[in-house]
Protein backbone atom coordinates (compact mmCIF):
# COMPACT_ATOMS: atom_id res chain seq x y z
CA UNK A 1 20.64 130.18 28.10
CA UNK A 2 18.16 128.78 30.40
CA UNK A 3 19.18 125.43 28.96
CA UNK A 4 23.03 126.03 29.93
CA UNK A 5 21.89 127.07 33.90
CA UNK A 6 20.16 123.71 33.74
CA UNK A 7 23.16 121.79 32.46
CA UNK A 8 25.15 123.14 35.08
CA UNK A 9 22.49 122.88 37.78
CA UNK A 10 22.25 118.70 37.15
CA UNK A 11 26.49 118.71 37.15
CA UNK A 12 26.21 119.95 40.80
CA UNK A 13 23.98 117.73 41.19
CA UNK A 14 25.76 114.79 39.92
CA UNK A 15 29.02 115.65 42.21
CA UNK A 16 30.28 112.84 44.97
CA UNK A 17 30.00 115.94 47.03
CA UNK A 18 26.62 116.72 46.66
CA UNK A 19 25.82 112.30 47.00
CA UNK A 20 22.43 112.15 49.66
CA UNK A 21 20.60 109.63 51.50
CA UNK A 22 18.44 108.59 48.39
CA UNK A 23 22.43 108.20 46.42
CA UNK A 24 23.17 105.56 49.31
CA UNK A 25 20.62 103.44 49.75
CA UNK A 26 20.76 102.70 46.02
CA UNK A 27 23.93 101.81 46.77
CA UNK A 28 23.05 99.65 49.85
CA UNK A 29 20.36 97.94 47.84
CA UNK A 30 22.55 96.99 44.62
CA UNK A 31 25.33 96.04 46.75
CA UNK A 32 23.15 93.46 48.84
CA UNK A 33 21.87 91.91 45.67
CA UNK A 34 19.19 94.08 43.92
CA UNK A 35 18.30 94.97 40.60
CA UNK A 36 18.97 98.79 39.78
CA UNK A 37 15.02 98.94 39.08
CA UNK A 38 15.42 98.02 42.49
CA UNK A 39 17.83 100.11 43.39
CA UNK A 40 15.97 103.13 41.52
CA UNK A 41 12.72 102.66 43.86
CA UNK A 42 14.36 102.14 47.07
CA UNK A 43 15.90 105.80 45.78
CA UNK A 44 12.32 107.07 44.57
CA UNK A 45 10.77 106.64 47.69
CA UNK A 46 13.62 108.58 49.78
CA UNK A 47 13.19 110.98 47.42
CA UNK A 48 9.60 111.06 48.35
CA UNK A 49 10.09 112.93 51.67
CA UNK A 50 8.60 116.08 52.55
CA UNK A 51 11.72 117.99 53.57
CA UNK A 52 14.02 118.27 51.36
CA UNK A 53 12.53 116.13 48.53
CA UNK A 54 10.25 116.38 45.99
CA UNK A 55 7.64 117.65 48.41
CA UNK A 56 9.86 120.68 49.58
CA UNK A 57 11.43 121.46 45.58
CA UNK A 58 7.02 121.77 44.57
CA UNK A 59 6.07 124.02 48.03
CA UNK A 60 9.49 126.27 47.48
CA UNK A 61 9.03 126.58 44.00
CA UNK A 62 4.99 127.60 44.65
CA UNK A 63 5.96 130.16 47.17
CA UNK A 64 8.31 132.00 45.42
CA UNK A 65 6.43 132.35 42.12
CA UNK A 66 5.26 135.86 41.58
CA UNK A 67 6.84 137.31 44.59
CA UNK A 68 9.10 139.83 42.93
CA UNK A 69 12.93 140.56 43.53
CA UNK A 70 12.41 142.50 47.06
CA UNK A 71 13.81 141.21 50.06
CA UNK A 72 10.84 142.14 52.61
CA UNK A 73 8.35 139.99 50.35
CA UNK A 74 10.70 137.61 50.06
CA UNK A 75 11.31 136.98 54.03
CA UNK A 76 7.93 137.09 54.54
CA UNK A 77 7.66 133.88 51.84
CA UNK A 78 10.50 131.90 53.04
CA UNK A 79 9.39 132.43 56.74
CA UNK A 80 9.70 129.21 59.44
CA UNK A 81 7.22 127.30 60.12
CA UNK A 82 5.96 123.69 62.01
CA UNK A 83 5.70 121.24 58.84
CA UNK A 84 2.27 120.68 58.86
CA UNK A 85 3.14 116.71 58.03
CA UNK A 86 6.49 115.83 60.06
CA UNK A 87 6.24 118.72 62.89
CA UNK A 88 9.23 119.99 61.97
CA UNK A 89 9.94 123.17 63.69
CA UNK A 90 11.74 125.82 62.23
CA UNK A 91 11.35 124.82 58.31
CA UNK A 92 12.05 126.12 55.39
CA UNK A 93 11.46 124.32 51.70
CA UNK A 94 14.82 124.46 50.29
CA UNK A 95 16.18 125.41 53.21
CA UNK A 96 18.30 123.58 56.48
CA UNK A 97 19.04 119.87 56.74
CA UNK A 98 22.29 120.55 54.82
CA UNK A 99 25.90 120.88 57.00
CA UNK A 100 28.36 124.10 57.07
CA UNK A 101 30.17 123.08 54.63
CA UNK A 102 27.64 122.05 51.78
CA UNK A 103 25.50 125.01 52.48
CA UNK A 104 28.79 127.45 51.07
CA UNK A 105 29.28 125.01 48.09
CA UNK A 106 25.37 125.70 47.32
CA UNK A 107 25.88 128.91 47.33
CA UNK A 108 29.25 129.09 45.25
CA UNK A 109 26.84 126.91 42.80
CA UNK A 110 24.26 129.68 43.31
CA UNK A 111 26.46 132.44 42.05
CA UNK A 112 27.50 130.61 38.77
CA UNK A 113 24.34 129.88 37.69
CA UNK A 114 23.09 133.60 38.83
CA UNK A 115 26.69 134.46 36.17
CA UNK A 116 24.02 132.49 33.42
CA UNK A 117 20.84 133.58 34.60
CA UNK A 118 21.58 137.62 35.36
CA UNK A 119 22.13 139.71 38.44
CA UNK A 120 17.93 140.01 38.10
CA UNK A 121 17.35 135.99 38.84
CA UNK A 122 16.52 134.28 41.29
CA UNK A 123 19.60 133.07 42.32
CA UNK A 124 20.98 136.17 41.78
CA UNK A 125 18.90 137.97 44.23
CA UNK A 126 19.09 135.19 46.81
CA UNK A 127 23.19 135.55 46.47
CA UNK A 128 23.14 138.99 47.10
CA UNK A 129 20.90 138.87 50.24
CA UNK A 130 21.70 135.15 51.48
CA UNK A 131 22.77 136.58 55.06
CA UNK A 132 19.22 138.50 55.90
CA UNK A 133 17.34 135.55 53.42
CA UNK A 134 19.51 132.84 55.70
CA UNK A 135 18.62 135.02 59.37
CA UNK A 136 14.76 133.62 58.32
CA UNK A 137 14.74 130.79 56.74
CA UNK A 138 18.06 128.82 57.25
CA UNK A 139 20.91 127.83 54.45
CA UNK A 140 19.96 126.95 51.12
CA UNK A 141 20.27 123.65 50.92
CA UNK A 142 20.41 121.90 47.06
CA UNK A 143 16.91 121.30 46.63
CA UNK A 144 16.54 124.69 47.49
CA UNK A 145 19.32 125.62 45.08
CA UNK A 146 17.38 123.52 42.30
CA UNK A 147 14.02 125.19 42.94
CA UNK A 148 15.71 128.93 42.14
CA UNK A 149 17.21 127.19 39.23
CA UNK A 150 13.89 125.81 37.87
CA UNK A 151 11.68 129.19 38.74
CA UNK A 152 14.96 131.61 36.29
CA UNK A 153 14.79 128.84 33.51
CA UNK A 154 10.22 129.15 33.44
CA UNK A 155 10.26 125.27 34.43
CA UNK A 156 6.47 124.92 35.49
CA UNK A 157 6.17 123.24 38.82
CA UNK A 158 5.05 119.22 37.48
CA UNK A 159 8.05 119.62 34.71
CA UNK A 160 10.18 120.56 37.73
CA UNK A 161 9.29 117.54 39.77
CA UNK A 162 9.42 115.22 36.64
CA UNK A 163 13.39 116.75 35.89
CA UNK A 164 15.16 116.70 39.19
CA UNK A 165 13.65 113.04 40.46
CA UNK A 166 15.10 111.84 36.64
CA UNK A 167 18.53 113.58 37.62
CA UNK A 168 18.66 111.75 41.30
CA UNK A 169 17.20 108.78 39.68
CA UNK A 170 20.22 108.73 36.77
CA UNK A 171 23.09 109.59 39.13
CA UNK A 172 21.43 106.94 41.90
CA UNK A 173 21.18 103.71 39.33
CA UNK A 174 24.84 104.54 38.02
CA UNK A 175 26.47 104.52 41.79
CA UNK A 176 24.40 101.49 42.63
CA UNK A 177 25.60 99.66 39.42
CA UNK A 178 29.30 100.75 40.39
CA UNK A 179 28.71 99.40 43.77
CA UNK A 180 27.09 96.16 42.38
CA UNK A 181 30.27 95.87 40.68
CA UNK A 182 32.38 96.53 43.72
CA UNK A 183 30.55 93.80 45.85
CA UNK A 184 29.61 93.79 49.05
CA UNK A 185 33.02 93.83 50.37
CA UNK A 186 33.00 97.42 49.58
CA UNK A 187 30.43 98.21 51.97
CA UNK A 188 29.89 101.03 53.21
CA UNK A 189 29.92 103.36 50.01
CA UNK A 190 29.78 106.51 51.91
CA UNK A 191 32.49 108.68 50.86
CA UNK A 192 32.76 109.60 54.54
CA UNK A 193 31.54 109.44 57.98
CA UNK A 194 27.76 109.86 58.47
CA UNK A 195 27.39 111.99 61.38
CA UNK A 196 23.82 112.12 62.88
CA UNK A 197 22.99 116.03 63.09
CA UNK A 198 20.21 116.54 65.78
CA UNK A 199 19.04 115.82 69.39
CA UNK A 200 20.16 112.64 71.25
CA UNK A 201 17.25 110.81 71.90
CA UNK A 202 15.80 110.53 75.60
CA UNK A 203 17.55 107.13 77.30
CA UNK A 204 15.11 104.51 77.54
CA UNK A 205 15.60 101.20 80.00
CA UNK A 206 14.35 97.88 78.56
CA UNK A 207 11.43 96.58 80.02
CA UNK A 208 12.06 92.92 78.78
CA UNK A 209 8.84 91.12 81.06
CA UNK A 210 6.37 94.32 79.71
CA UNK A 211 7.96 93.35 75.60
CA UNK A 212 7.10 89.64 76.23
CA UNK A 213 3.99 90.27 77.33
CA UNK A 214 3.22 92.27 74.53
CA UNK A 215 4.11 89.98 72.11
CA UNK A 216 2.13 87.17 74.08
CA UNK A 217 5.47 85.34 74.77
CA UNK A 218 5.31 85.50 78.05
CA UNK A 219 3.08 82.30 78.37
CA UNK A 220 -0.20 83.85 79.20
CA UNK A 221 -1.84 83.28 75.31
CA UNK A 222 -2.64 79.65 74.30
C-alpha cells in the first residue's frame, strides 16, 4: 500500500499544475543552450531553498515525527514563527507559499493519499482537520504533502530527501529536454502568467553620482 501511495505522490508532483520555479529554471537553462546536466544543477540549487525545498521537507517530517494524531499536539508542532535563516514571518515548513487554487488541489491529492493509507494516516488526519490546522500553519503546499506521504509510508527523513529531490529533478530534466527541442523561440515556457505574491518593495530613487562614486567611475580614482 505504501508503494502505491508513493507512486501516487510522484504522479501528483509530475502534473503540470505542480510545476514550480525549479522546473522553470531547468527549462530556461536548456533553452539558452545549457546541457541537461546544467539544467539539473540549476534546479537542484532552487530545491535547496529552505522555505519550499528540502529544508522544509526535512523540518516538517522532523516536527511531526512521533507526534500523535491529536489536534492540540499538531497545532503546537505546526505553529508559525519567523524562519531562523530567512526571517520570513508566519512560517511553517510545508505550508504557505501556494495559490488558493493550488492549495485546493493539494487537499484533493491529500484525500487520494489518505484513501490508500487509511483514516489513521497523517494525510487522513490532515484532511479531517485541515481548517483548524490551516488556522495556525496556513494552507498545505506540495512539499508538505510529500512530507505527510513519506511519514505515512514509513520513509526516513534522509531517504525522503533523496526520493523527493530525484523525483523533482527527473521532472525538471524532462521539461528541460522539451525546452531544448522547442528552442528559444518558445520562451518563456510558463503555462500561465506569473503573478508576484508579496509586498511591493519601497520605491527608491537612483542617485547616479553616488553610484558612479561607489563604482569608481567618477574620475576620482586613478
